[in-house]
Amino acid sequence: MTADEPSPDSAEQIDGADIDESGSVQGLGDELLDEFVAAFPETHAEIEHGQRVAFLPAASWAKAVKWCFDRGFLQLSDICAVDHALDMQRLARGSVQLERFEVVLNLLNLEERLRMRLVAEVPESDTKIASVTDLYWGAAFPERETYDLFGIEFEGHPDLTRILLPDDWQGYPLRKDAPSARIPVQFKGAPKPV
């Protein structure tokens, strides 16, 4: 790789893309992302590691997921969260307000062999976002896991309860501000302490 070539770890600027006054990329040269940004102007879209990625506020989440579903993204690959408590000065994503939490949804369009990643910015003061189980039943367990470990509530989820931790567990262990904990584990047949 020469100094003139983009790093494979960076977001790509597509040929034909224009940057407006706010620094947002316009006309990405990718028809699908151009349509997405036209439908959701409050978002920021880019090609990252060869995948289409759209960053959006939590308020746009449900409509954006439905838009993807209607365009053939019928398989949900994963849904998870990221806590940026120690990384609040990360790179800006166009005009999208960066928040402490991100909910990340990876979708596949198998018919056209396309991938799409939606990243919703979820504020620490209101850790609620719409559930996507009405479109993707396979999101039920990953949404419960995200709730269990990060405390992000998926509104409209049919059974938003803990899935990995005991029901009486206090806190959310994958949050960056969660204290380190140690739970003694007794194994069957283990020698008794002397």
N, C-alpha and C. Protein backbone atom coordinates (compact mmCIF):
# COMPACT_ATOMS: atom_id res chain seq x y z
N MET A 1 0.85 -1.17 0.00
CA MET A 1 0.00 0.00 0.00
C MET A 1 0.90 1.23 0.00
N THR A 2 0.59 2.18 -0.86
CA THR A 2 1.34 3.43 -0.91
C THR A 2 0.63 4.48 -0.09
N ALA A 3 1.30 5.61 0.09
CA ALA A 3 0.72 6.69 0.89
C ALA A 3 -0.52 7.27 0.22
N ASP A 4 -0.63 7.12 -1.11
CA ASP A 4 -1.78 7.68 -1.83
C ASP A 4 -3.02 6.80 -1.75
N GLU A 5 -2.86 5.51 -1.39
CA GLU A 5 -3.99 4.59 -1.33
C GLU A 5 -4.70 4.71 0.01
N PRO A 6 -6.04 4.60 -0.01
CA PRO A 6 -6.76 4.66 1.26
C PRO A 6 -6.49 3.43 2.11
N SER A 7 -6.50 3.62 3.40
CA SER A 7 -6.33 2.51 4.32
C SER A 7 -7.52 1.57 4.21
N PRO A 8 -7.32 0.24 4.26
CA PRO A 8 -8.46 -0.67 4.20
C PRO A 8 -9.34 -0.55 5.44
N ASP A 9 -8.84 0.07 6.50
CA ASP A 9 -9.61 0.23 7.73
C ASP A 9 -10.41 1.52 7.77
N SER A 10 -10.37 2.30 6.72
CA SER A 10 -11.07 3.58 6.74
C SER A 10 -12.33 3.52 5.90
N ALA A 11 -13.19 4.49 6.13
CA ALA A 11 -14.40 4.61 5.32
C ALA A 11 -14.01 5.11 3.94
N GLU A 12 -14.65 4.58 2.93
CA GLU A 12 -14.34 4.96 1.56
C GLU A 12 -15.21 6.10 1.10
N GLN A 13 -14.60 6.99 0.33
CA GLN A 13 -15.38 7.98 -0.38
C GLN A 13 -15.57 7.42 -1.78
N ILE A 14 -16.79 7.29 -2.20
CA ILE A 14 -17.11 6.72 -3.49
C ILE A 14 -16.91 7.78 -4.57
N ASP A 15 -16.41 7.38 -5.73
CA ASP A 15 -16.27 8.32 -6.85
C ASP A 15 -17.60 8.99 -7.11
N GLY A 16 -17.56 10.28 -7.34
CA GLY A 16 -18.78 11.02 -7.63
C GLY A 16 -19.43 11.59 -6.39
N ALA A 17 -18.86 11.34 -5.21
CA ALA A 17 -19.45 11.87 -3.99
C ALA A 17 -19.10 13.35 -3.84
N ASP A 18 -20.03 14.12 -3.36
CA ASP A 18 -19.83 15.54 -3.09
C ASP A 18 -19.98 15.75 -1.60
N ILE A 19 -19.26 16.75 -1.08
CA ILE A 19 -19.38 17.08 0.34
C ILE A 19 -20.04 18.44 0.45
N ASP A 20 -21.14 18.52 1.21
CA ASP A 20 -21.84 19.80 1.36
C ASP A 20 -21.19 20.62 2.47
N GLU A 21 -21.76 21.80 2.77
CA GLU A 21 -21.20 22.72 3.76
C GLU A 21 -21.06 22.10 5.14
N SER A 22 -21.95 21.17 5.51
CA SER A 22 -21.92 20.57 6.85
C SER A 22 -20.90 19.43 6.94
N GLY A 23 -20.28 19.07 5.81
CA GLY A 23 -19.32 17.97 5.82
C GLY A 23 -19.94 16.64 5.50
N SER A 24 -21.26 16.60 5.23
CA SER A 24 -21.92 15.35 4.91
C SER A 24 -21.67 14.98 3.45
N VAL A 25 -21.49 13.69 3.21
CA VAL A 25 -21.27 13.20 1.86
C VAL A 25 -22.60 13.16 1.13
N GLN A 26 -22.64 13.70 -0.06
CA GLN A 26 -23.85 13.69 -0.87
C GLN A 26 -23.51 12.98 -2.18
N GLY A 27 -24.43 12.18 -2.68
CA GLY A 27 -24.19 11.47 -3.93
C GLY A 27 -23.05 10.48 -3.78
N LEU A 28 -23.27 9.43 -3.02
CA LEU A 28 -22.21 8.47 -2.70
C LEU A 28 -21.76 7.62 -3.89
N GLY A 29 -22.50 7.65 -4.97
CA GLY A 29 -22.15 6.80 -6.09
C GLY A 29 -22.65 5.38 -5.88
N ASP A 30 -23.38 5.14 -4.82
CA ASP A 30 -23.99 3.85 -4.53
C ASP A 30 -25.50 4.09 -4.54
N GLU A 31 -26.19 3.51 -5.50
CA GLU A 31 -27.60 3.79 -5.70
C GLU A 31 -28.43 3.53 -4.44
N LEU A 32 -28.18 2.43 -3.77
CA LEU A 32 -28.95 2.08 -2.58
C LEU A 32 -28.74 3.11 -1.46
N LEU A 33 -27.48 3.48 -1.21
CA LEU A 33 -27.23 4.46 -0.15
C LEU A 33 -27.75 5.84 -0.53
N ASP A 34 -27.67 6.20 -1.81
CA ASP A 34 -28.22 7.47 -2.25
C ASP A 34 -29.73 7.51 -1.99
N GLU A 35 -30.44 6.41 -2.28
CA GLU A 35 -31.88 6.32 -2.02
C GLU A 35 -32.15 6.42 -0.52
N PHE A 36 -31.32 5.75 0.28
CA PHE A 36 -31.50 5.75 1.72
C PHE A 36 -31.36 7.17 2.27
N VAL A 37 -30.30 7.86 1.88
CA VAL A 37 -30.08 9.23 2.36
C VAL A 37 -31.18 10.16 1.88
N ALA A 38 -31.69 9.94 0.67
CA ALA A 38 -32.80 10.77 0.18
C ALA A 38 -34.06 10.53 1.02
N ALA A 39 -34.29 9.29 1.43
CA ALA A 39 -35.47 8.96 2.25
C ALA A 39 -35.30 9.41 3.69
N PHE A 40 -34.05 9.43 4.18
CA PHE A 40 -33.76 9.79 5.57
C PHE A 40 -32.63 10.82 5.59
N PRO A 41 -32.95 12.09 5.33
CA PRO A 41 -31.90 13.12 5.24
C PRO A 41 -31.18 13.39 6.56
N GLU A 42 -31.75 12.96 7.68
CA GLU A 42 -31.11 13.15 8.98
C GLU A 42 -30.01 12.13 9.25
N THR A 43 -29.76 11.23 8.30
CA THR A 43 -28.78 10.17 8.48
C THR A 43 -27.47 10.51 7.79
N HIS A 44 -26.47 9.71 8.06
CA HIS A 44 -25.19 9.79 7.37
C HIS A 44 -24.87 8.38 6.87
N ALA A 45 -24.54 8.24 5.60
CA ALA A 45 -24.25 6.92 5.04
C ALA A 45 -22.87 6.93 4.40
N GLU A 46 -22.23 5.77 4.44
CA GLU A 46 -20.90 5.62 3.85
C GLU A 46 -20.63 4.15 3.56
N ILE A 47 -19.57 3.91 2.81
CA ILE A 47 -19.08 2.55 2.59
C ILE A 47 -17.92 2.36 3.56
N GLU A 48 -18.04 1.37 4.44
CA GLU A 48 -17.03 1.13 5.46
C GLU A 48 -16.63 -0.34 5.41
N HIS A 49 -15.37 -0.61 5.16
CA HIS A 49 -14.87 -1.99 5.04
C HIS A 49 -15.66 -2.75 3.98
N GLY A 50 -16.04 -2.07 2.91
CA GLY A 50 -16.76 -2.71 1.81
C GLY A 50 -18.24 -2.93 2.06
N GLN A 51 -18.77 -2.40 3.18
CA GLN A 51 -20.19 -2.58 3.49
C GLN A 51 -20.89 -1.24 3.56
N ARG A 52 -22.16 -1.25 3.19
CA ARG A 52 -22.99 -0.06 3.32
C ARG A 52 -23.33 0.14 4.79
N VAL A 53 -23.09 1.35 5.30
CA VAL A 53 -23.35 1.66 6.70
C VAL A 53 -24.12 2.97 6.76
N ALA A 54 -25.18 2.99 7.55
CA ALA A 54 -25.95 4.21 7.76
C ALA A 54 -26.03 4.51 9.25
N PHE A 55 -25.65 5.71 9.63
CA PHE A 55 -25.73 6.18 11.01
C PHE A 55 -26.97 7.06 11.12
N LEU A 56 -27.76 6.84 12.16
CA LEU A 56 -29.02 7.56 12.27
C LEU A 56 -29.41 7.77 13.71
N PRO A 57 -30.25 8.78 13.96
CA PRO A 57 -30.77 8.96 15.31
C PRO A 57 -31.77 7.85 15.66
N ALA A 58 -31.91 7.57 16.94
CA ALA A 58 -32.81 6.49 17.38
C ALA A 58 -34.24 6.72 16.92
N ALA A 59 -34.66 7.97 16.77
CA ALA A 59 -36.03 8.28 16.35
C ALA A 59 -36.32 7.78 14.93
N SER A 60 -35.30 7.62 14.10
CA SER A 60 -35.49 7.17 12.72
C SER A 60 -35.36 5.66 12.56
N TRP A 61 -35.03 4.96 13.62
CA TRP A 61 -34.72 3.54 13.59
C TRP A 61 -35.81 2.68 12.96
N ALA A 62 -37.03 2.75 13.47
CA ALA A 62 -38.10 1.86 13.00
C ALA A 62 -38.39 2.06 11.51
N LYS A 63 -38.48 3.30 11.07
CA LYS A 63 -38.75 3.57 9.66
C LYS A 63 -37.59 3.14 8.77
N ALA A 64 -36.36 3.32 9.24
CA ALA A 64 -35.19 2.93 8.45
C ALA A 64 -35.11 1.41 8.30
N VAL A 65 -35.40 0.68 9.37
CA VAL A 65 -35.38 -0.78 9.30
C VAL A 65 -36.48 -1.27 8.35
N LYS A 66 -37.66 -0.68 8.42
CA LYS A 66 -38.75 -1.05 7.52
C LYS A 66 -38.37 -0.75 6.07
N TRP A 67 -37.71 0.36 5.83
CA TRP A 67 -37.26 0.73 4.49
C TRP A 67 -36.32 -0.37 3.94
N CYS A 68 -35.40 -0.81 4.76
CA CYS A 68 -34.47 -1.87 4.34
C CYS A 68 -35.22 -3.18 4.07
N PHE A 69 -36.14 -3.52 4.95
CA PHE A 69 -36.92 -4.74 4.78
C PHE A 69 -37.69 -4.71 3.46
N ASP A 70 -38.29 -3.58 3.15
CA ASP A 70 -39.06 -3.43 1.91
C ASP A 70 -38.18 -3.50 0.66
N ARG A 71 -36.88 -3.29 0.81
CA ARG A 71 -35.96 -3.36 -0.33
C ARG A 71 -35.20 -4.68 -0.38
N GLY A 72 -35.73 -5.69 0.27
CA GLY A 72 -35.18 -7.04 0.12
C GLY A 72 -34.19 -7.48 1.17
N PHE A 73 -33.95 -6.66 2.19
CA PHE A 73 -33.05 -7.07 3.27
C PHE A 73 -33.89 -7.89 4.26
N LEU A 74 -34.07 -9.16 3.92
CA LEU A 74 -34.99 -10.01 4.66
C LEU A 74 -34.31 -10.85 5.73
N GLN A 75 -32.98 -10.87 5.75
CA GLN A 75 -32.28 -11.66 6.76
C GLN A 75 -31.53 -10.76 7.72
N LEU A 76 -31.85 -10.91 8.98
CA LEU A 76 -31.13 -10.21 10.04
C LEU A 76 -29.95 -11.08 10.42
N SER A 77 -28.76 -10.54 10.31
CA SER A 77 -27.56 -11.29 10.66
C SER A 77 -27.22 -11.13 12.14
N ASP A 78 -27.40 -9.91 12.66
CA ASP A 78 -27.02 -9.68 14.05
C ASP A 78 -27.59 -8.34 14.51
N ILE A 79 -27.80 -8.24 15.79
CA ILE A 79 -28.13 -6.97 16.42
C ILE A 79 -27.39 -6.93 17.74
N CYS A 80 -26.71 -5.82 18.00
CA CYS A 80 -25.91 -5.70 19.22
C CYS A 80 -25.80 -4.23 19.59
N ALA A 81 -25.02 -3.94 20.61
CA ALA A 81 -24.84 -2.56 21.06
C ALA A 81 -23.37 -2.28 21.32
N VAL A 82 -23.05 -0.99 21.35
CA VAL A 82 -21.70 -0.52 21.65
C VAL A 82 -21.85 0.60 22.67
N ASP A 83 -21.00 0.58 23.70
CA ASP A 83 -20.97 1.65 24.69
C ASP A 83 -19.72 2.49 24.43
N HIS A 84 -19.92 3.75 24.09
CA HIS A 84 -18.80 4.64 23.80
C HIS A 84 -18.49 5.57 24.96
N ALA A 85 -18.74 5.15 26.19
CA ALA A 85 -18.53 6.01 27.36
C ALA A 85 -17.09 6.51 27.43
N LEU A 86 -16.14 5.71 27.04
CA LEU A 86 -14.73 6.10 27.09
C LEU A 86 -14.24 6.63 25.75
N ASP A 87 -15.14 6.78 24.80
CA ASP A 87 -14.77 7.12 23.42
C ASP A 87 -15.71 8.18 22.85
N MET A 88 -16.09 9.14 23.67
CA MET A 88 -17.09 10.13 23.23
C MET A 88 -16.53 11.12 22.21
N GLN A 89 -15.24 11.18 22.04
CA GLN A 89 -14.63 12.11 21.08
C GLN A 89 -14.32 11.41 19.77
N ARG A 90 -15.09 10.38 19.42
CA ARG A 90 -14.83 9.63 18.19
C ARG A 90 -15.18 10.47 16.97
N LEU A 91 -14.87 9.94 15.80
CA LEU A 91 -15.09 10.65 14.55
C LEU A 91 -16.55 11.02 14.35
N ALA A 92 -16.79 12.24 13.89
CA ALA A 92 -18.15 12.69 13.60
C ALA A 92 -18.69 11.91 12.40
N ARG A 93 -19.97 11.71 12.38
CA ARG A 93 -20.67 11.01 11.29
C ARG A 93 -21.66 11.98 10.66
N GLY A 94 -21.15 12.88 9.84
CA GLY A 94 -22.00 13.87 9.21
C GLY A 94 -22.69 14.71 10.26
N SER A 95 -23.97 14.95 10.09
CA SER A 95 -24.73 15.78 11.04
C SER A 95 -25.43 14.94 12.11
N VAL A 96 -25.19 13.63 12.14
CA VAL A 96 -25.82 12.76 13.14
C VAL A 96 -25.18 13.02 14.51
N GLN A 97 -26.02 13.31 15.49
CA GLN A 97 -25.54 13.56 16.85
C GLN A 97 -25.01 12.26 17.46
N LEU A 98 -23.73 12.24 17.83
CA LEU A 98 -23.15 11.05 18.45
C LEU A 98 -23.63 10.94 19.89
N GLU A 99 -23.96 9.72 20.29
CA GLU A 99 -24.45 9.46 21.64
C GLU A 99 -23.58 8.40 22.30
N ARG A 100 -23.81 8.16 23.58
CA ARG A 100 -23.01 7.18 24.30
C ARG A 100 -23.20 5.76 23.75
N PHE A 101 -24.44 5.38 23.47
CA PHE A 101 -24.73 4.03 23.01
C PHE A 101 -25.06 4.01 21.52
N GLU A 102 -24.68 2.91 20.89
CA GLU A 102 -25.09 2.64 19.52
C GLU A 102 -25.73 1.26 19.48
N VAL A 103 -26.84 1.14 18.76
CA VAL A 103 -27.43 -0.16 18.48
C VAL A 103 -27.12 -0.45 17.02
N VAL A 104 -26.52 -1.61 16.77
CA VAL A 104 -26.02 -1.96 15.44
C VAL A 104 -26.82 -3.14 14.91
N LEU A 105 -27.34 -3.00 13.69
CA LEU A 105 -28.15 -4.02 13.04
C LEU A 105 -27.49 -4.37 11.71
N ASN A 106 -27.19 -5.64 11.50
CA ASN A 106 -26.59 -6.10 10.25
C ASN A 106 -27.63 -6.89 9.47
N LEU A 107 -27.87 -6.45 8.23
CA LEU A 107 -28.89 -7.06 7.38
C LEU A 107 -28.29 -7.59 6.09
N LEU A 108 -28.94 -8.63 5.54
CA LEU A 108 -28.52 -9.22 4.27
C LEU A 108 -29.68 -9.25 3.29
N ASN A 109 -29.36 -8.95 2.04
CA ASN A 109 -30.29 -9.13 0.93
C ASN A 109 -29.67 -10.25 0.11
N LEU A 110 -30.15 -11.48 0.32
CA LEU A 110 -29.55 -12.65 -0.32
C LEU A 110 -29.82 -12.70 -1.82
N GLU A 111 -30.94 -12.15 -2.24
CA GLU A 111 -31.29 -12.18 -3.66
C GLU A 111 -30.31 -11.33 -4.49
N GLU A 112 -29.93 -10.16 -3.96
CA GLU A 112 -29.03 -9.28 -4.69
C GLU A 112 -27.61 -9.31 -4.14
N ARG A 113 -27.38 -10.16 -3.13
CA ARG A 113 -26.06 -10.31 -2.51
C ARG A 113 -25.54 -8.98 -1.97
N LEU A 114 -26.36 -8.34 -1.12
CA LEU A 114 -26.02 -7.04 -0.54
C LEU A 114 -26.03 -7.13 0.98
N ARG A 115 -25.21 -6.28 1.59
CA ARG A 115 -25.19 -6.13 3.04
C ARG A 115 -25.51 -4.69 3.39
N MET A 116 -26.13 -4.50 4.55
CA MET A 116 -26.42 -3.16 5.04
C MET A 116 -26.31 -3.17 6.55
N ARG A 117 -25.63 -2.17 7.08
CA ARG A 117 -25.51 -2.04 8.54
C ARG A 117 -26.15 -0.72 8.95
N LEU A 118 -27.08 -0.79 9.89
CA LEU A 118 -27.69 0.41 10.45
C LEU A 118 -27.14 0.60 11.85
N VAL A 119 -26.74 1.84 12.16
CA VAL A 119 -26.18 2.16 13.47
C VAL A 119 -27.00 3.31 14.04
N ALA A 120 -27.77 3.02 15.08
CA ALA A 120 -28.61 4.03 15.71
C ALA A 120 -27.91 4.59 16.94
N GLU A 121 -27.88 5.90 17.03
CA GLU A 121 -27.29 6.58 18.18
C GLU A 121 -28.36 6.68 19.27
N VAL A 122 -28.10 6.08 20.42
CA VAL A 122 -29.07 6.03 21.53
C VAL A 122 -28.51 6.83 22.70
N PRO A 123 -29.22 7.87 23.12
CA PRO A 123 -28.70 8.70 24.22
C PRO A 123 -28.72 7.99 25.56
N GLU A 124 -27.77 8.33 26.40
CA GLU A 124 -27.68 7.76 27.74
C GLU A 124 -28.90 8.12 28.59
N SER A 125 -29.48 9.29 28.33
CA SER A 125 -30.62 9.76 29.12
C SER A 125 -31.92 9.04 28.77
N ASP A 126 -31.98 8.38 27.62
CA ASP A 126 -33.20 7.69 27.19
C ASP A 126 -32.79 6.46 26.38
N THR A 127 -32.49 5.39 27.07
CA THR A 127 -31.96 4.19 26.40
C THR A 127 -33.08 3.30 25.88
N LYS A 128 -33.94 3.89 25.06
CA LYS A 128 -35.05 3.15 24.46
C LYS A 128 -34.98 3.27 22.95
N ILE A 129 -35.33 2.18 22.28
CA ILE A 129 -35.37 2.16 20.82
C ILE A 129 -36.44 1.14 20.42
N ALA A 130 -36.99 1.30 19.23
CA ALA A 130 -38.06 0.40 18.78
C ALA A 130 -37.52 -1.01 18.52
N SER A 131 -38.30 -2.00 18.89
CA SER A 131 -37.97 -3.39 18.59
C SER A 131 -38.20 -3.65 17.10
N VAL A 132 -37.40 -4.56 16.53
CA VAL A 132 -37.60 -4.94 15.12
C VAL A 132 -38.17 -6.35 15.01
N THR A 133 -38.67 -6.89 16.11
CA THR A 133 -39.20 -8.27 16.09
C THR A 133 -40.44 -8.41 15.23
N ASP A 134 -41.14 -7.31 14.94
CA ASP A 134 -42.31 -7.41 14.07
C ASP A 134 -41.89 -7.74 12.63
N LEU A 135 -40.68 -7.35 12.24
CA LEU A 135 -40.16 -7.66 10.89
C LEU A 135 -39.22 -8.86 10.90
N TYR A 136 -38.41 -8.95 11.93
CA TYR A 136 -37.39 -10.01 12.03
C TYR A 136 -37.59 -10.75 13.36
N TRP A 137 -38.30 -11.87 13.33
CA TRP A 137 -38.54 -12.61 14.56
C TRP A 137 -37.22 -13.06 15.18
N GLY A 138 -36.20 -13.27 14.36
CA GLY A 138 -34.89 -13.67 14.86
C GLY A 138 -34.21 -12.62 15.71
N ALA A 139 -34.76 -11.42 15.78
CA ALA A 139 -34.18 -10.36 16.61
C ALA A 139 -34.58 -10.51 18.08
N ALA A 140 -35.50 -11.42 18.39
CA ALA A 140 -36.02 -11.53 19.76
C ALA A 140 -34.90 -11.81 20.76
N PHE A 141 -34.08 -12.81 20.52
CA PHE A 141 -33.03 -13.14 21.48
C PHE A 141 -31.89 -12.12 21.48
N PRO A 142 -31.39 -11.65 20.33
CA PRO A 142 -30.34 -10.62 20.40
C PRO A 142 -30.80 -9.33 21.06
N GLU A 143 -32.07 -8.95 20.90
CA GLU A 143 -32.57 -7.76 21.59
C GLU A 143 -32.61 -8.00 23.09
N ARG A 144 -33.01 -9.19 23.51
CA ARG A 144 -33.00 -9.50 24.95
C ARG A 144 -31.58 -9.49 25.51
N GLU A 145 -30.65 -10.03 24.74
CA GLU A 145 -29.24 -10.03 25.18
C GLU A 145 -28.71 -8.60 25.31
N THR A 146 -29.04 -7.76 24.34
CA THR A 146 -28.60 -6.36 24.39
C THR A 146 -29.21 -5.64 25.58
N TYR A 147 -30.47 -5.92 25.86
CA TYR A 147 -31.12 -5.36 27.04
C TYR A 147 -30.44 -5.86 28.32
N ASP A 148 -30.18 -7.14 28.38
CA ASP A 148 -29.60 -7.77 29.56
C ASP A 148 -28.21 -7.22 29.88
N LEU A 149 -27.40 -7.01 28.85
CA LEU A 149 -26.00 -6.64 29.07
C LEU A 149 -25.73 -5.14 29.01
N PHE A 150 -26.58 -4.38 28.30
CA PHE A 150 -26.37 -2.93 28.16
C PHE A 150 -27.49 -2.09 28.74
N GLY A 151 -28.66 -2.67 28.99
CA GLY A 151 -29.78 -1.92 29.53
C GLY A 151 -30.55 -1.11 28.50
N ILE A 152 -30.38 -1.42 27.23
CA ILE A 152 -31.13 -0.73 26.18
C ILE A 152 -32.48 -1.43 26.04
N GLU A 153 -33.55 -0.66 26.20
CA GLU A 153 -34.90 -1.21 26.15
C GLU A 153 -35.45 -1.16 24.72
N PHE A 154 -35.96 -2.28 24.26
CA PHE A 154 -36.54 -2.37 22.91
C PHE A 154 -38.06 -2.30 23.06
N GLU A 155 -38.60 -1.14 22.73
CA GLU A 155 -40.04 -0.92 22.88
C GLU A 155 -40.81 -1.76 21.89
N GLY A 156 -41.83 -2.46 22.38
CA GLY A 156 -42.64 -3.33 21.54
C GLY A 156 -42.13 -4.76 21.47
N HIS A 157 -41.06 -5.07 22.20
CA HIS A 157 -40.55 -6.45 22.22
C HIS A 157 -41.55 -7.34 22.95
N PRO A 158 -41.82 -8.54 22.44
CA PRO A 158 -42.85 -9.40 23.06
C PRO A 158 -42.47 -9.96 24.43
N ASP A 159 -41.18 -10.03 24.77
CA ASP A 159 -40.79 -10.61 26.06
C ASP A 159 -39.42 -10.05 26.46
N LEU A 160 -39.35 -8.77 26.77
CA LEU A 160 -38.07 -8.14 27.09
C LEU A 160 -37.70 -8.43 28.54
N THR A 161 -37.08 -9.59 28.75
CA THR A 161 -36.62 -10.00 30.07
C THR A 161 -35.16 -10.42 29.95
N ARG A 162 -34.51 -10.57 31.06
CA ARG A 162 -33.11 -11.01 31.05
C ARG A 162 -33.02 -12.39 30.41
N ILE A 163 -31.90 -12.62 29.71
CA ILE A 163 -31.73 -13.90 29.02
C ILE A 163 -30.45 -14.62 29.47
N LEU A 164 -29.44 -13.87 29.91
CA LEU A 164 -28.17 -14.48 30.32
C LEU A 164 -27.94 -14.40 31.83
N LEU A 165 -28.39 -13.34 32.44
CA LEU A 165 -28.13 -13.11 33.86
C LEU A 165 -29.35 -13.45 34.70
N PRO A 166 -29.15 -13.69 35.99
CA PRO A 166 -30.30 -13.96 36.87
C PRO A 166 -31.25 -12.76 36.89
N ASP A 167 -32.52 -13.02 37.11
CA ASP A 167 -33.53 -11.97 37.10
C ASP A 167 -33.26 -10.88 38.13
N ASP A 168 -32.62 -11.23 39.24
CA ASP A 168 -32.37 -10.24 40.30
C ASP A 168 -31.02 -9.53 40.14
N TRP A 169 -30.34 -9.72 39.03
CA TRP A 169 -29.03 -9.07 38.80
C TRP A 169 -29.23 -7.56 38.75
N GLN A 170 -28.34 -6.84 39.41
CA GLN A 170 -28.38 -5.38 39.41
C GLN A 170 -27.37 -4.84 38.41
N GLY A 171 -27.80 -3.95 37.53
CA GLY A 171 -26.89 -3.31 36.60
C GLY A 171 -26.77 -4.04 35.27
N TYR A 172 -25.84 -3.54 34.44
CA TYR A 172 -25.65 -4.05 33.08
C TYR A 172 -24.15 -4.21 32.86
N PRO A 173 -23.65 -5.44 32.85
CA PRO A 173 -22.22 -5.70 32.92
C PRO A 173 -21.38 -5.25 31.72
N LEU A 174 -21.95 -5.03 30.54
CA LEU A 174 -21.11 -4.59 29.42
C LEU A 174 -21.06 -3.08 29.26
N ARG A 175 -21.69 -2.37 30.16
CA ARG A 175 -21.52 -0.91 30.16
C ARG A 175 -20.12 -0.60 30.69
N LYS A 176 -19.51 0.40 30.11
CA LYS A 176 -18.14 0.75 30.49
C LYS A 176 -18.02 1.22 31.94
N ASP A 177 -19.11 1.70 32.51
CA ASP A 177 -19.06 2.17 33.89
C ASP A 177 -19.48 1.09 34.90
N ALA A 178 -19.73 -0.12 34.45
CA ALA A 178 -20.11 -1.21 35.36
C ALA A 178 -18.88 -1.67 36.13
N PRO A 179 -19.02 -1.88 37.42
CA PRO A 179 -17.88 -2.34 38.21
C PRO A 179 -17.49 -3.78 37.83
N SER A 180 -16.22 -4.06 37.95
CA SER A 180 -15.78 -5.44 37.72
C SER A 180 -16.35 -6.30 38.83
N ALA A 181 -16.84 -7.44 38.47
CA ALA A 181 -17.47 -8.31 39.47
C ALA A 181 -16.90 -9.71 39.36
N ARG A 182 -17.01 -10.41 40.46
CA ARG A 182 -16.56 -11.80 40.45
C ARG A 182 -17.59 -12.61 41.22
N ILE A 183 -18.07 -13.64 40.58
CA ILE A 183 -19.07 -14.50 41.20
C ILE A 183 -18.43 -15.85 41.45
N PRO A 184 -18.42 -16.32 42.69
CA PRO A 184 -17.85 -17.64 42.94
C PRO A 184 -18.70 -18.72 42.27
N VAL A 185 -18.04 -19.63 41.61
CA VAL A 185 -18.74 -20.70 40.90
C VAL A 185 -18.36 -22.03 41.53
N GLN A 186 -19.36 -22.82 41.87
CA GLN A 186 -19.12 -24.15 42.42
C GLN A 186 -19.31 -25.18 41.32
N PHE A 187 -18.28 -25.94 41.05
CA PHE A 187 -18.38 -26.99 40.06
C PHE A 187 -18.74 -28.30 40.73
N LYS A 188 -19.55 -29.08 40.05
CA LYS A 188 -19.97 -30.37 40.59
C LYS A 188 -18.72 -31.25 40.74
N GLY A 189 -18.56 -31.82 41.91
CA GLY A 189 -17.44 -32.72 42.16
C GLY A 189 -16.14 -32.01 42.49
N ALA A 190 -16.17 -30.67 42.62
CA ALA A 190 -14.95 -29.92 42.95
C ALA A 190 -14.57 -30.20 44.40
N PRO A 191 -13.27 -30.25 44.70
CA PRO A 191 -12.85 -30.47 46.09
C PRO A 191 -13.31 -29.33 46.98
N LYS A 192 -13.68 -29.66 48.19
CA LYS A 192 -14.12 -28.66 49.15
C LYS A 192 -12.91 -27.89 49.68
N PRO A 193 -13.07 -26.57 49.91
CA PRO A 193 -11.95 -25.79 50.46
C PRO A 193 -11.60 -26.29 51.85
N VAL A 194 -10.33 -26.26 52.15
CA VAL A 194 -9.85 -26.75 53.44
C VAL A 194 -9.77 -25.66 54.45
